[in-house]
C-alpha atoms as a PDB file:
ATOM      1  CA  MET A   1       0.014   0.005  -0.026  1.00  0.00           C
ATOM      2  CA  SER A   2       1.385   3.408  -1.021  1.00  0.00           C
ATOM      3  CA  PRO A   3       2.036   6.114   1.609  1.00  0.00           C
ATOM      4  CA  LEU A   4      -0.761   8.146   0.140  1.00  0.00           C
ATOM      5  CA  MET A   5      -3.256   5.300   0.460  1.00  0.00           C
ATOM      6  CA  GLN A   6      -2.019   4.647   3.988  1.00  0.00           C
ATOM      7  CA  ALA A   7      -2.653   8.250   4.870  1.00  0.00           C
ATOM      8  CA  ARG A   8      -6.222   7.982   3.432  1.00  0.00           C
ATOM      9  CA  VAL A   9      -6.954   4.842   5.454  1.00  0.00           C
ATOM     10  CA  ARG A  10      -5.632   6.545   8.531  1.00  0.00           C
ATOM     11  CA  ARG A  11      -7.924   9.535   8.036  1.00  0.00           C
ATOM     12  CA  PHE A  12     -10.877   7.168   7.419  1.00  0.00           C
ATOM     13  CA  LYS A  13     -10.125   5.353  10.783  1.00  0.00           C
ATOM     14  CA  ASN A  14      -9.862   8.704  12.572  1.00  0.00           C
ATOM     15  CA  ASN A  15     -13.426   9.423  11.517  1.00  0.00           C
ATOM     16  CA  ARG A  16     -15.046   7.601  14.447  1.00  0.00           C
ATOM     17  CA  LEU A  17     -18.662   7.955  13.041  1.00  0.00           C
ATOM     18  CA  GLY A  18     -17.670   6.702   9.563  1.00  0.00           C
ATOM     19  CA  LEU A  19     -15.622   3.788  10.990  1.00  0.00           C
ATOM     20  CA  GLY A  20     -18.386   2.751  13.406  1.00  0.00           C
ATOM     21  CA  CYS A  21     -20.936   2.827  10.569  1.00  0.00           C
ATOM     22  CA  PHE A  22     -18.601   0.766   8.401  1.00  0.00           C
ATOM     23  CA  ILE A  23     -18.232  -1.904  11.127  1.00  0.00           C
ATOM     24  CA  VAL A  24     -22.064  -2.074  11.685  1.00  0.00           C
ATOM     25  CA  PHE A  25     -22.642  -2.366   7.932  1.00  0.00           C
ATOM     26  CA  ILE A  26     -20.155  -5.227   7.596  1.00  0.00           C
ATOM     27  CA  ILE A  27     -21.897  -6.970  10.417  1.00  0.00           C
ATOM     28  CA  ILE A  28     -25.259  -6.496   8.851  1.00  0.00           C
ATOM     29  CA  PHE A  29     -23.915  -7.654   5.468  1.00  0.00           C
ATOM     30  CA  ILE A  30     -22.440 -10.855   7.041  1.00  0.00           C
ATOM     31  CA  LEU A  31     -25.724 -11.573   8.791  1.00  0.00           C
ATOM     32  CA  CYS A  32     -27.609 -11.135   5.508  1.00  0.00           C
ATOM     33  CA  LEU A  33     -25.205 -13.502   3.748  1.00  0.00           C
ATOM     34  CA  SER A  34     -25.789 -16.084   6.446  1.00  0.00           C
ATOM     35  CA  SER A  35     -29.563 -15.844   6.223  1.00  0.00           C
ATOM     36  CA  GLU A  36     -29.953 -19.606   5.602  1.00  0.00           C
ATOM     37  CA  PHE A  37     -28.329 -20.322   8.930  1.00  0.00           C
ATOM     38  CA  ILE A  38     -30.330 -17.774  10.772  1.00  0.00           C
ATOM     39  CA  ALA A  39     -33.852 -18.118   9.274  1.00  0.00           C
ATOM     40  CA  ASN A  40     -34.765 -21.363   7.661  1.00  0.00           C
ATOM     41  CA  ASP A  41     -37.588 -23.938   7.815  1.00  0.00           C
ATOM     42  CA  LYS A  42     -34.901 -26.749   7.729  1.00  0.00           C
ATOM     43  CA  PRO A  43     -32.677 -27.829  10.555  1.00  0.00           C
ATOM     44  CA  LEU A  44     -29.011 -26.840  10.564  1.00  0.00           C
ATOM     45  CA  LEU A  45     -27.946 -30.305  11.613  1.00  0.00           C
ATOM     46  CA  VAL A  46     -29.779 -33.545  12.080  1.00  0.00           C
ATOM     47  CA  LYS A  47     -28.547 -36.646  13.844  1.00  0.00           C
ATOM     48  CA  TYR A  48     -30.529 -39.741  12.971  1.00  0.00           C
ATOM     49  CA  ASP A  49     -29.606 -43.395  13.654  1.00  0.00           C
ATOM     50  CA  ASN A  50     -25.952 -42.401  14.440  1.00  0.00           C
ATOM     51  CA  ASP A  51     -25.706 -40.643  11.097  1.00  0.00           C
ATOM     52  CA  TYR A  52     -25.414 -36.854  10.633  1.00  0.00           C
ATOM     53  CA  TYR A  53     -27.293 -34.867   7.971  1.00  0.00           C
ATOM     54  CA  ILE A  54     -27.114 -31.158   6.964  1.00  0.00           C
ATOM     55  CA  PRO A  55     -30.546 -30.279   5.369  1.00  0.00           C
ATOM     56  CA  VAL A  56     -29.446 -26.662   4.759  1.00  0.00           C
ATOM     57  CA  PHE A  57     -27.052 -27.888   2.061  1.00  0.00           C
ATOM     58  CA  LYS A  58     -28.581 -31.015   0.774  1.00  0.00           C
ATOM     59  CA  ASN A  59     -32.185 -32.325   0.216  1.00  0.00           C
ATOM     60  CA  TYR A  60     -33.046 -35.573   1.900  1.00  0.00           C
ATOM     61  CA  PRO A  61     -36.152 -37.669   1.186  1.00  0.00           C
ATOM     62  CA  GLU A  62     -38.472 -38.510   4.046  1.00  0.00           C
ATOM     63  CA  THR A  63     -37.451 -42.142   3.689  1.00  0.00           C
ATOM     64  CA  THR A  64     -34.066 -41.222   5.151  1.00  0.00           C
ATOM     65  CA  PHE A  65     -35.629 -40.574   8.500  1.00  0.00           C
ATOM     66  CA  GLY A  66     -37.938 -43.603   8.441  1.00  0.00           C
ATOM     67  CA  GLY A  67     -40.823 -41.983   6.500  1.00  0.00           C
ATOM     68  CA  VAL A  68     -42.779 -43.450   3.625  1.00  0.00           C
ATOM     69  CA  PHE A  69     -42.488 -40.781   0.957  1.00  0.00           C
ATOM     70  CA  GLU A  70     -39.633 -40.375  -1.501  1.00  0.00           C
ATOM     71  CA  THR A  71     -40.090 -36.652  -1.756  1.00  0.00           C
ATOM     72  CA  GLU A  72     -38.018 -34.146   0.223  1.00  0.00           C
ATOM     73  CA  ALA A  73     -38.806 -34.308   3.974  1.00  0.00           C
ATOM     74  CA  ASP A  74     -41.017 -31.543   5.320  1.00  0.00           C
ATOM     75  CA  TYR A  75     -39.194 -30.854   8.638  1.00  0.00           C
ATOM     76  CA  LYS A  76     -42.089 -28.699   9.934  1.00  0.00           C
ATOM     77  CA  ASP A  77     -44.306 -31.743   9.762  1.00  0.00           C
ATOM     78  CA  PRO A  78     -44.946 -33.134  13.281  1.00  0.00           C
ATOM     79  CA  ALA A  79     -44.762 -36.605  12.002  1.00  0.00           C
ATOM     80  CA  VAL A  80     -41.296 -36.003  10.536  1.00  0.00           C
ATOM     81  CA  GLN A  81     -40.168 -34.312  13.709  1.00  0.00           C
ATOM     82  CA  HIS A  82     -41.448 -37.320  15.723  1.00  0.00           C
ATOM     83  CA  LEU A  83     -39.531 -39.761  13.461  1.00  0.00           C
ATOM     84  CA  ILE A  84     -36.261 -37.754  13.923  1.00  0.00           C
ATOM     85  CA  GLU A  85     -36.672 -37.458  17.726  1.00  0.00           C
ATOM     86  CA  GLU A  86     -37.171 -41.230  17.979  1.00  0.00           C
ATOM     87  CA  LYS A  87     -33.583 -41.946  16.865  1.00  0.00           C
ATOM     88  CA  GLY A  88     -31.760 -38.597  17.141  1.00  0.00           C
ATOM     89  CA  TRP A  89     -32.195 -34.913  17.381  1.00  0.00           C
ATOM     90  CA  ALA A  90     -32.173 -31.792  15.246  1.00  0.00           C
ATOM     91  CA  ILE A  91     -30.689 -28.272  15.680  1.00  0.00           C
ATOM     92  CA  TRP A  92     -32.840 -25.522  14.353  1.00  0.00           C
ATOM     93  CA  PRO A  93     -31.944 -21.992  13.256  1.00  0.00           C
ATOM     94  CA  VAL A  94     -32.824 -19.107  15.573  1.00  0.00           C
ATOM     95  CA  ILE A  95     -35.840 -18.253  13.319  1.00  0.00           C
ATOM     96  CA  PRO A  96     -37.475 -21.526  12.170  1.00  0.00           C
ATOM     97  CA  PHE A  97     -39.017 -19.887   9.103  1.00  0.00           C
ATOM     98  CA  SER A  98     -37.676 -19.216   5.715  1.00  0.00           C
ATOM     99  CA  TYR A  99     -38.769 -16.085   3.651  1.00  0.00           C
ATOM    100  CA  GLN A 100     -41.559 -18.114   1.928  1.00  0.00           C
ATOM    101  CA  THR A 101     -42.538 -20.255   4.878  1.00  0.00           C
ATOM    102  CA  PRO A 102     -46.136 -19.500   6.260  1.00  0.00           C
ATOM    103  CA  ASN A 103     -46.768 -20.096   9.933  1.00  0.00           C
ATOM    104  CA  PHE A 104     -49.724 -22.356  10.138  1.00  0.00           C
ATOM    105  CA  ALA A 105     -49.864 -22.255  13.933  1.00  0.00           C
ATOM    106  CA  LEU A 106     -50.867 -18.599  14.356  1.00  0.00           C
ATOM    107  CA  ALA A 107     -53.367 -17.861  16.991  1.00  0.00           C
ATOM    108  CA  LYS A 108     -54.547 -14.651  15.339  1.00  0.00           C
ATOM    109  CA  PRO A 109     -55.427 -13.902  11.712  1.00  0.00           C
ATOM    110  CA  VAL A 110     -52.813 -12.625   9.317  1.00  0.00           C
ATOM    111  CA  PRO A 111     -51.132 -10.286   9.255  1.00  0.00           C
ATOM    112  CA  SER A 112     -50.443 -11.155  12.913  1.00  0.00           C
ATOM    113  CA  PRO A 113     -48.616  -8.798  15.401  1.00  0.00           C
ATOM    114  CA  PRO A 114     -45.147  -9.567  16.779  1.00  0.00           C
ATOM    115  CA  SER A 115     -44.969 -12.475  19.133  1.00  0.00           C
ATOM    116  CA  ALA A 116     -42.449 -14.763  20.741  1.00  0.00           C
ATOM    117  CA  GLN A 117     -42.624 -17.050  17.684  1.00  0.00           C
ATOM    118  CA  ASN A 118     -42.598 -14.176  15.078  1.00  0.00           C
ATOM    119  CA  TRP A 119     -40.457 -11.377  16.520  1.00  0.00           C
ATOM    120  CA  LEU A 120     -41.594  -8.824  13.985  1.00  0.00           C
ATOM    121  CA  GLY A 121     -44.923 -10.410  13.231  1.00  0.00           C
ATOM    122  CA  THR A 122     -46.166 -11.881   9.976  1.00  0.00           C
ATOM    123  CA  ASP A 123     -47.246 -10.381   6.615  1.00  0.00           C
ATOM    124  CA  ASP A 124     -50.565 -10.915   4.935  1.00  0.00           C
ATOM    125  CA  GLN A 125     -49.598 -14.392   3.879  1.00  0.00           C
ATOM    126  CA  GLY A 126     -48.412 -15.613   7.350  1.00  0.00           C
ATOM    127  CA  ARG A 127     -44.766 -15.307   6.482  1.00  0.00           C
ATOM    128  CA  ASP A 128     -42.263 -14.220   9.152  1.00  0.00           C
ATOM    129  CA  VAL A 129     -41.361 -10.546   8.666  1.00  0.00           C
ATOM    130  CA  LEU A 130     -37.853 -10.797  10.164  1.00  0.00           C
ATOM    131  CA  ALA A 131     -36.995 -13.699   7.838  1.00  0.00           C
ATOM    132  CA  ARG A 132     -38.171 -11.734   4.813  1.00  0.00           C
ATOM    133  CA  ILE A 133     -36.160  -8.736   5.870  1.00  0.00           C
ATOM    134  CA  LEU A 134     -32.944 -10.789   6.184  1.00  0.00           C
ATOM    135  CA  TYR A 135     -33.416 -12.339   2.750  1.00  0.00           C
ATOM    136  CA  GLY A 136     -34.710  -9.151   1.163  1.00  0.00           C
ATOM    137  CA  LEU A 137     -31.841  -7.003   2.510  1.00  0.00           C
ATOM    138  CA  ARG A 138     -29.329  -9.580   1.161  1.00  0.00           C
ATOM    139  CA  VAL A 139     -30.984  -9.324  -2.335  1.00  0.00           C
ATOM    140  CA  SER A 140     -30.895  -5.506  -2.183  1.00  0.00           C
ATOM    141  CA  LEU A 141     -27.276  -5.293  -0.990  1.00  0.00           C
ATOM    142  CA  LEU A 142     -25.902  -7.845  -3.453  1.00  0.00           C
ATOM    143  CA  PHE A 143     -27.961  -6.362  -6.284  1.00  0.00           C
ATOM    144  CA  GLY A 144     -26.836  -2.829  -5.351  1.00  0.00           C
ATOM    145  CA  LEU A 145     -23.220  -3.882  -5.071  1.00  0.00           C
ATOM    146  CA  ALA A 146     -23.124  -5.568  -8.438  1.00  0.00           C
ATOM    147  CA  LEU A 147     -24.959  -2.786 -10.163  1.00  0.00           C
ATOM    148  CA  THR A 148     -22.572  -0.152  -8.576  1.00  0.00           C
ATOM    149  CA  LEU A 149     -19.545  -2.172  -9.632  1.00  0.00           C
ATOM    150  CA  PHE A 150     -20.603  -2.613 -13.249  1.00  0.00           C
ATOM    151  CA  ALA A 151     -21.918   0.803 -13.659  1.00  0.00           C
ATOM    152  CA  SER A 152     -18.684   2.352 -12.206  1.00  0.00           C
ATOM    153  CA  LEU A 153     -16.582   0.208 -14.572  1.00  0.00           C
ATOM    154  CA  ILE A 154     -18.439   1.465 -17.541  1.00  0.00           C
ATOM    155  CA  GLY A 155     -18.520   4.957 -16.363  1.00  0.00           C
ATOM    156  CA  VAL A 156     -14.788   5.046 -15.691  1.00  0.00           C
ATOM    157  CA  ILE A 157     -13.939   3.669 -19.067  1.00  0.00           C
ATOM    158  CA  VAL A 158     -16.277   6.199 -20.941  1.00  0.00           C
ATOM    159  CA  GLY A 159     -15.115   9.101 -18.870  1.00  0.00           C
ATOM    160  CA  ALA A 160     -11.425   8.167 -19.292  1.00  0.00           C
ATOM    161  CA  ILE A 161     -11.775   7.951 -23.098  1.00  0.00           C
ATOM    162  CA  GLN A 162     -13.635  11.241 -23.251  1.00  0.00           C
ATOM    163  CA  GLY A 163     -11.238  13.116 -21.017  1.00  0.00           C
ATOM    164  CA  TYR A 164      -8.027  11.670 -22.553  1.00  0.00           C
ATOM    165  CA  TYR A 165      -8.778  12.184 -26.205  1.00  0.00           C
ATOM    166  CA  GLY A 166     -11.022  15.268 -25.995  1.00  0.00           C
ATOM    167  CA  GLY A 167     -11.965  16.944 -29.301  1.00  0.00           C
ATOM    168  CA  TRP A 168     -14.810  15.504 -31.226  1.00  0.00           C
ATOM    169  CA  ILE A 169     -14.896  12.250 -29.121  1.00  0.00           C
ATOM    170  CA  ASP A 170     -15.509  14.383 -25.994  1.00  0.00           C
ATOM    171  CA  LEU A 171     -18.025  16.644 -27.755  1.00  0.00           C
ATOM    172  CA  LEU A 172     -20.011  13.695 -29.094  1.00  0.00           C
ATOM    173  CA  GLY A 173     -19.946  11.914 -25.731  1.00  0.00           C
ATOM    174  CA  GLN A 174     -21.176  15.011 -23.878  1.00  0.00           C
ATOM    175  CA  ARG A 175     -24.082  15.463 -26.275  1.00  0.00           C
ATOM    176  CA  ILE A 176     -25.073  11.767 -25.748  1.00  0.00           C
ATOM    177  CA  LEU A 177     -24.756  12.058 -21.994  1.00  0.00           C
ATOM    178  CA  GLU A 178     -26.964  15.238 -22.016  1.00  0.00           C
ATOM    179  CA  VAL A 179     -29.727  13.381 -23.914  1.00  0.00           C
ATOM    180  CA  TRP A 180     -29.271  10.227 -21.756  1.00  0.00           C
ATOM    181  CA  GLY A 181     -29.390  12.296 -18.547  1.00  0.00           C
ATOM    182  CA  GLY A 182     -32.566  14.042 -19.688  1.00  0.00           C
ATOM    183  CA  LEU A 183     -34.563  10.884 -19.927  1.00  0.00           C
ATOM    184  CA  PRO A 184     -36.915  10.113 -16.922  1.00  0.00           C
ATOM    185  CA  THR A 185     -34.985   7.166 -15.674  1.00  0.00           C
ATOM    186  CA  LEU A 186     -37.561   5.650 -13.349  1.00  0.00           C
ATOM    187  CA  PHE A 187     -40.340   5.786 -15.925  1.00  0.00           C
ATOM    188  CA  MET A 188     -38.115   4.390 -18.593  1.00  0.00           C
ATOM    189  CA  VAL A 189     -37.032   1.468 -16.350  1.00  0.00           C
ATOM    190  CA  MET A 190     -40.707   0.808 -15.516  1.00  0.00           C
ATOM    191  CA  ILE A 191     -41.751   0.706 -19.216  1.00  0.00           C
ATOM    192  CA  LEU A 192     -38.773  -1.556 -20.226  1.00  0.00           C
ATOM    193  CA  VAL A 193     -39.307  -3.912 -17.229  1.00  0.00           C
ATOM    194  CA  SER A 194     -42.985  -4.327 -18.080  1.00  0.00           C
ATOM    195  CA  MET A 195     -42.065  -5.506 -21.550  1.00  0.00           C
ATOM    196  CA  PHE A 196     -40.271  -8.620 -20.193  1.00  0.00           C
ATOM    197  CA  THR A 197     -40.969 -11.531 -17.883  1.00  0.00           C
ATOM    198  CA  PRO A 198     -39.979 -10.438 -14.311  1.00  0.00           C
ATOM    199  CA  SER A 199     -36.321 -11.461 -13.813  1.00  0.00           C
ATOM    200  CA  VAL A 200     -33.479 -10.292 -11.645  1.00  0.00           C
ATOM    201  CA  TYR A 201     -31.161 -10.433 -14.693  1.00  0.00           C
ATOM    202  CA  TRP A 202     -33.430  -8.275 -16.947  1.00  0.00           C
ATOM    203  CA  LEU A 203     -33.873  -5.773 -14.164  1.00  0.00           C
ATOM    204  CA  PHE A 204     -30.141  -5.573 -13.598  1.00  0.00           C
ATOM    205  CA  VAL A 205     -29.434  -5.066 -17.297  1.00  0.00           C
ATOM    206  CA  ILE A 206     -32.142  -2.374 -17.651  1.00  0.00           C
ATOM    207  CA  MET A 207     -30.944  -0.461 -14.503  1.00  0.00           C
ATOM    208  CA  LEU A 208     -27.343  -0.708 -15.643  1.00  0.00           C
ATOM    209  CA  ILE A 209     -28.260   0.856 -19.010  1.00  0.00           C
ATOM    210  CA  PHE A 210     -29.415   3.955 -17.165  1.00  0.00           C
ATOM    211  CA  GLY A 211     -26.903   3.885 -14.233  1.00  0.00           C
ATOM    212  CA  TRP A 212     -23.556   3.946 -15.903  1.00  0.00           C
ATOM    213  CA  PRO A 213     -23.189   7.759 -16.507  1.00  0.00           C
ATOM    214  CA  ALA A 214     -22.907   8.437 -12.753  1.00  0.00           C
ATOM    215  CA  LEU A 215     -19.078   8.587 -12.733  1.00  0.00           C
ATOM    216  CA  VAL A 216     -18.459   9.786 -16.261  1.00  0.00           C
ATOM    217  CA  GLY A 217     -18.275  13.509 -15.357  1.00  0.00           C
ATOM    218  CA  LEU A 218     -15.870  13.050 -12.511  1.00  0.00           C
ATOM    219  CA  VAL A 219     -13.442  10.826 -14.388  1.00  0.00           C
ATOM    220  CA  ARG A 220     -13.655  12.990 -17.461  1.00  0.00           C
ATOM    221  CA  ALA A 221     -12.725  16.109 -15.483  1.00  0.00           C
ATOM    222  CA  GLU A 222      -9.770  14.324 -13.939  1.00  0.00           C
ATOM    223  CA  PHE A 223      -8.484  13.163 -17.309  1.00  0.00           C
ATOM    224  CA  LEU A 224      -8.933  16.568 -18.937  1.00  0.00           C
ATOM    225  CA  ARG A 225      -6.805  17.986 -16.096  1.00  0.00           C
ATOM    226  CA  ALA A 226      -4.164  15.298 -16.149  1.00  0.00           C
ATOM    227  CA  ARG A 227      -3.674  14.684 -19.854  1.00  0.00           C
ATOM    228  CA  ASN A 228      -1.365  17.684 -20.281  1.00  0.00           C
ATOM    229  CA  LEU A 229       0.652  17.132 -17.154  1.00  0.00           C
ATOM    230  CA  ASP A 230       4.471  16.621 -17.542  1.00  0.00           C
ATOM    231  CA  TYR A 231       4.457  12.905 -16.686  1.00  0.00           C
ATOM    232  CA  VAL A 232       1.817  12.206 -19.340  1.00  0.00           C
ATOM    233  CA  ARG A 233       3.774  14.128 -21.979  1.00  0.00           C
ATOM    234  CA  ALA A 234       6.971  12.356 -21.015  1.00  0.00           C
ATOM    235  CA  ALA A 235       5.217   8.967 -21.431  1.00  0.00           C
ATOM    236  CA  ARG A 236       3.989  10.063 -24.925  1.00  0.00           C
ATOM    237  CA  ALA A 237       7.450  11.171 -25.801  1.00  0.00           C
ATOM    238  CA  LEU A 238       8.869   7.813 -24.827  1.00  0.00           C
ATOM    239  CA  GLY A 239       6.362   5.999 -27.136  1.00  0.00           C
ATOM    240  CA  VAL A 240       4.101   4.629 -24.495  1.00  0.00           C
ATOM    241  CA  GLY A 241       0.739   3.605 -25.903  1.00  0.00           C
ATOM    242  CA  ASP A 242      -2.547   5.468 -25.168  1.00  0.00           C
ATOM    243  CA  ALA A 243      -4.128   2.426 -23.381  1.00  0.00           C
ATOM    244  CA  LYS A 244      -1.123   2.148 -21.070  1.00  0.00           C
ATOM    245  CA  ILE A 245      -1.050   5.824 -20.286  1.00  0.00           C
ATOM    246  CA  ILE A 246      -4.834   5.765 -19.508  1.00  0.00           C
ATOM    247  CA  PHE A 247      -5.022   2.848 -17.322  1.00  0.00           C
ATOM    248  CA  ARG A 248      -1.562   2.633 -15.717  1.00  0.00           C
ATOM    249  CA  HIS A 249      -0.563   6.321 -15.353  1.00  0.00           C
ATOM    250  CA  ILE A 250      -3.634   8.568 -15.199  1.00  0.00           C
ATOM    251  CA  LEU A 251      -6.386   6.312 -13.988  1.00  0.00           C
ATOM    252  CA  PRO A 252      -4.855   5.394 -10.583  1.00  0.00           C
ATOM    253  CA  ASN A 253      -4.423   9.145  -9.891  1.00  0.00           C
ATOM    254  CA  ALA A 254      -7.975   9.851 -11.050  1.00  0.00           C
ATOM    255  CA  MET A 255      -9.772   7.210  -9.008  1.00  0.00           C
ATOM    256  CA  SER A 256      -9.698   9.042  -5.632  1.00  0.00           C
ATOM    257  CA  SER A 257     -12.705  11.200  -6.472  1.00  0.00           C
ATOM    258  CA  SER A 258     -14.489   8.246  -8.010  1.00  0.00           C
ATOM    259  CA  LEU A 259     -14.024   5.906  -5.041  1.00  0.00           C
ATOM    260  CA  SER A 260     -15.491   8.388  -2.704  1.00  0.00           C
ATOM    261  CA  GLN A 261     -18.835   8.337  -4.648  1.00  0.00           C
ATOM    262  CA  LEU A 262     -19.304   4.608  -4.578  1.00  0.00           C
ATOM    263  CA  PRO A 263     -21.197   4.558  -1.273  1.00  0.00           C
ATOM    264  CA  PHE A 264     -23.501   7.197  -2.548  1.00  0.00           C
ATOM    265  CA  MET A 265     -24.067   5.211  -5.767  1.00  0.00           C
ATOM    266  CA  LEU A 266     -24.861   2.142  -3.765  1.00  0.00           C
ATOM    267  CA  THR A 267     -27.327   4.187  -1.750  1.00  0.00           C
ATOM    268  CA  ALA A 268     -29.070   5.386  -4.908  1.00  0.00           C
ATOM    269  CA  ASN A 269     -29.219   1.859  -6.428  1.00  0.00           C
ATOM    270  CA  ILE A 270     -30.794   0.336  -3.307  1.00  0.00           C
ATOM    271  CA  THR A 271     -33.252   3.123  -3.109  1.00  0.00           C
ATOM    272  CA  ALA A 272     -34.173   2.664  -6.854  1.00  0.00           C
ATOM    273  CA  LEU A 273     -34.675  -1.095  -6.422  1.00  0.00           C
ATOM    274  CA  THR A 274     -36.805  -0.531  -3.343  1.00  0.00           C
ATOM    275  CA  ALA A 275     -38.951   2.018  -5.205  1.00  0.00           C
ATOM    276  CA  LEU A 276     -39.405  -0.403  -8.154  1.00  0.00           C
ATOM    277  CA  ASP A 277     -40.422  -3.232  -5.822  1.00  0.00           C
ATOM    278  CA  PHE A 278     -42.861  -0.935  -4.119  1.00  0.00           C
ATOM    279  CA  LEU A 279     -44.440   0.006  -7.410  1.00  0.00           C
ATOM    280  CA  GLY A 280     -44.520  -3.585  -8.611  1.00  0.00           C
ATOM    281  CA  TYR A 281     -41.918  -3.312 -11.367  1.00  0.00           C
ATOM    282  CA  GLY A 282     -38.866  -4.764  -9.471  1.00  0.00           C
ATOM    283  CA  LEU A 283     -38.023  -8.250  -8.488  1.00  0.00           C
ATOM    284  CA  PRO A 284     -40.184 -11.243  -9.289  1.00  0.00           C
ATOM    285  CA  PRO A 285     -43.299 -11.629  -6.976  1.00  0.00           C
ATOM    286  CA  ASP A 286     -41.862 -14.677  -5.163  1.00  0.00           C
ATOM    287  CA  ALA A 287     -38.674 -12.805  -4.160  1.00  0.00           C
ATOM    288  CA  ALA A 288     -38.166 -11.199  -0.735  1.00  0.00           C
ATOM    289  CA  SER A 289     -37.630  -7.506  -0.858  1.00  0.00           C
ATOM    290  CA  ILE A 290     -37.856  -4.408   1.270  1.00  0.00           C
ATOM    291  CA  GLY A 291     -40.099  -2.610  -1.215  1.00  0.00           C
ATOM    292  CA  GLU A 292     -42.572  -5.445  -1.244  1.00  0.00           C
ATOM    293  CA  LEU A 293     -42.630  -5.193   2.566  1.00  0.00           C
ATOM    294  CA  LEU A 294     -43.365  -1.490   2.410  1.00  0.00           C
ATOM    295  CA  LEU A 295     -46.149  -2.129  -0.137  1.00  0.00           C
ATOM    296  CA  GLN A 296     -47.763  -4.634   2.242  1.00  0.00           C
ATOM    297  CA  GLY A 297     -47.564  -1.983   4.946  1.00  0.00           C
ATOM    298  CA  LYS A 298     -49.415   0.421   2.688  1.00  0.00           C
ATOM    299  CA  ASN A 299     -52.030  -2.114   1.961  1.00  0.00           C
ATOM    300  CA  ASN A 300     -52.453  -3.221   5.649  1.00  0.00           C
ATOM    301  CA  LEU A 301     -52.667   0.007   7.595  1.00  0.00           C
ATOM    302  CA  ASN A 302     -54.123  -2.046  10.489  1.00  0.00           C
ATOM    303  CA  ALA A 303     -50.709  -3.807  10.787  1.00  0.00           C
ATOM    304  CA  PRO A 304     -48.171  -0.979  11.429  1.00  0.00           C
ATOM    305  CA  TRP A 305     -45.384  -3.403  12.223  1.00  0.00           C
ATOM    306  CA  LEU A 306     -45.060  -4.071   8.507  1.00  0.00           C
ATOM    307  CA  ALA A 307     -44.391  -0.476   7.439  1.00  0.00           C
ATOM    308  CA  LEU A 308     -42.297   0.247  10.484  1.00  0.00           C
ATOM    309  CA  SER A 309     -40.053  -2.831   9.947  1.00  0.00           C
ATOM    310  CA  GLY A 310     -39.425  -1.972   6.344  1.00  0.00           C
ATOM    311  CA  PHE A 311     -38.921   1.731   7.078  1.00  0.00           C
ATOM    312  CA  PHE A 312     -36.451   1.313   9.900  1.00  0.00           C
ATOM    313  CA  THR A 313     -34.465  -1.295   7.992  1.00  0.00           C
ATOM    314  CA  LEU A 314     -34.122   0.821   4.901  1.00  0.00           C
ATOM    315  CA  ALA A 315     -33.427   3.929   6.993  1.00  0.00           C
ATOM    316  CA  LEU A 316     -30.687   2.140   8.998  1.00  0.00           C
ATOM    317  CA  VAL A 317     -28.906   0.793   5.942  1.00  0.00           C
ATOM    318  CA  LEU A 318     -29.027   3.979   3.873  1.00  0.00           C
ATOM    319  CA  SER A 319     -27.887   6.106   6.886  1.00  0.00           C
ATOM    320  CA  LEU A 320     -24.910   3.856   7.426  1.00  0.00           C
ATOM    321  CA  LEU A 321     -23.989   4.004   3.674  1.00  0.00           C
ATOM    322  CA  ILE A 322     -24.301   7.785   3.709  1.00  0.00           C
ATOM    323  CA  TYR A 323     -21.995   8.229   6.739  1.00  0.00           C
ATOM    324  CA  ILE A 324     -19.515   5.812   5.193  1.00  0.00           C
ATOM    325  CA  GLY A 325     -19.586   7.809   2.004  1.00  0.00           C
ATOM    326  CA  GLU A 326     -18.915  11.008   3.889  1.00  0.00           C
ATOM    327  CA  ALA A 327     -16.080   9.550   5.805  1.00  0.00           C
ATOM    328  CA  THR A 328     -14.618   8.146   2.567  1.00  0.00           C
ATOM    329  CA  ARG A 329     -15.015  11.448   0.794  1.00  0.00           C
ATOM    330  CA  ASP A 330     -13.128  13.214   3.581  1.00  0.00           C
ATOM    331  CA  ALA A 331     -10.390  10.595   3.577  1.00  0.00           C
ATOM    332  CA  PHE A 332      -9.793  11.096  -0.185  1.00  0.00           C
ATOM    333  CA  ASP A 333     -10.007  14.906  -0.008  1.00  0.00           C
ATOM    334  CA  PRO A 334      -6.509  16.189  -0.936  1.00  0.00           C
ATOM    335  CA  ARG A 335      -7.136  19.359   1.084  1.00  0.00           C
ATOM    336  CA  ARG A 336      -7.246  17.349   4.280  1.00  0.00           C
ATOM    337  CA  GLN A 337      -3.921  16.507   5.832  1.00  0.00           C
END
C-alpha cells in the first residue's frame, strides 16, 4: 500500500462515526449472507440413527428418516419431527421460518402482530417478517453492489476515453450524456421492465443501461486536467501507448474522487430497487424485498409493524452508507492533511 493510500486509510479510521458505521454495515452484510443459517424452515444439523445430515446444504427424502414418501422431507411436519426425535435430534436456526414459509400455527389472523414465535410479526400471507427482511436485504445489498460495480466500470472507461482524447470524441460523448441524462430514468425502467418477464437479470441489465453515466463527469474532469501534465507528456514522448497511459498512469491518480462516490451510488441503487419493488416493477413476485414489505404496509394500515419494519430497515442501511460515504470522501479529499 502506497504512503498516500495509508494516509487515506488513517484519515478514514480517525473518523469515528464513519468507522463505526462501516463496522455495523459489515456485520449486517455478514448476517444477511448467512440468512439460511439464521432463518430457515430446515434444521441446521440432524442426527438420525448415528448418522449426521445437513438439510441446509442437501435435500433428503423422508425415507431417510424412516418415513414413507420419496419426496423431500418436510421438517415442519410433526410426523417427520417425531421420526427424527425417536432416533436422534435436530438443531434448528434461531428463526425456524424461511422467507416463503407461512406459519400455520398462528393464534391470530394474518397479518399477525409480533410475538415470541414471530419477533416482527407476519405479513398478509403468514410469512415471518424478520426472515423476509434478512433475505430481502441480502438481495438488495448484493444487487446494489453488483450494479454499482458494473456501472462504475463502464462509467470510468467512458469518462477516461472522453477526457483523454477530448476533441470531437468528448463533444459527441457529452451530447449523448446530455440526452441520456434528460430521460426520466424511473419511468423508462418501468416501461422496459413491463415488456419482459420479471427477472433479476433483466432488471439488472435495464438499470445498468441508465446507471452507468454516474461517474463519467468526475473521471472525464480528472483526465482533462491530467492529460497535459508533464508525466503524461513524457510517457507520450517515450512512445508509451494510449491504453497504457490511460489505465496505468492517469487512472490510478483519477480514482480518488470516483471511489469516494461509490457509497452514494450504492445508496441510490438500493433506493431505486426498493422504489421499483414498491411500485410492482422490480424483483419477481416470489422474491423477498424491502419494497414489497413496504407495499404490504401500505395495503395493511391495520398492521403498522409491516411498514415500520421496512422503514427502519431501509433507514438504517441507507444512513450507514451515507455516513460511510462522507467519511470516504473526507479521507480522499486532498485538502485534508
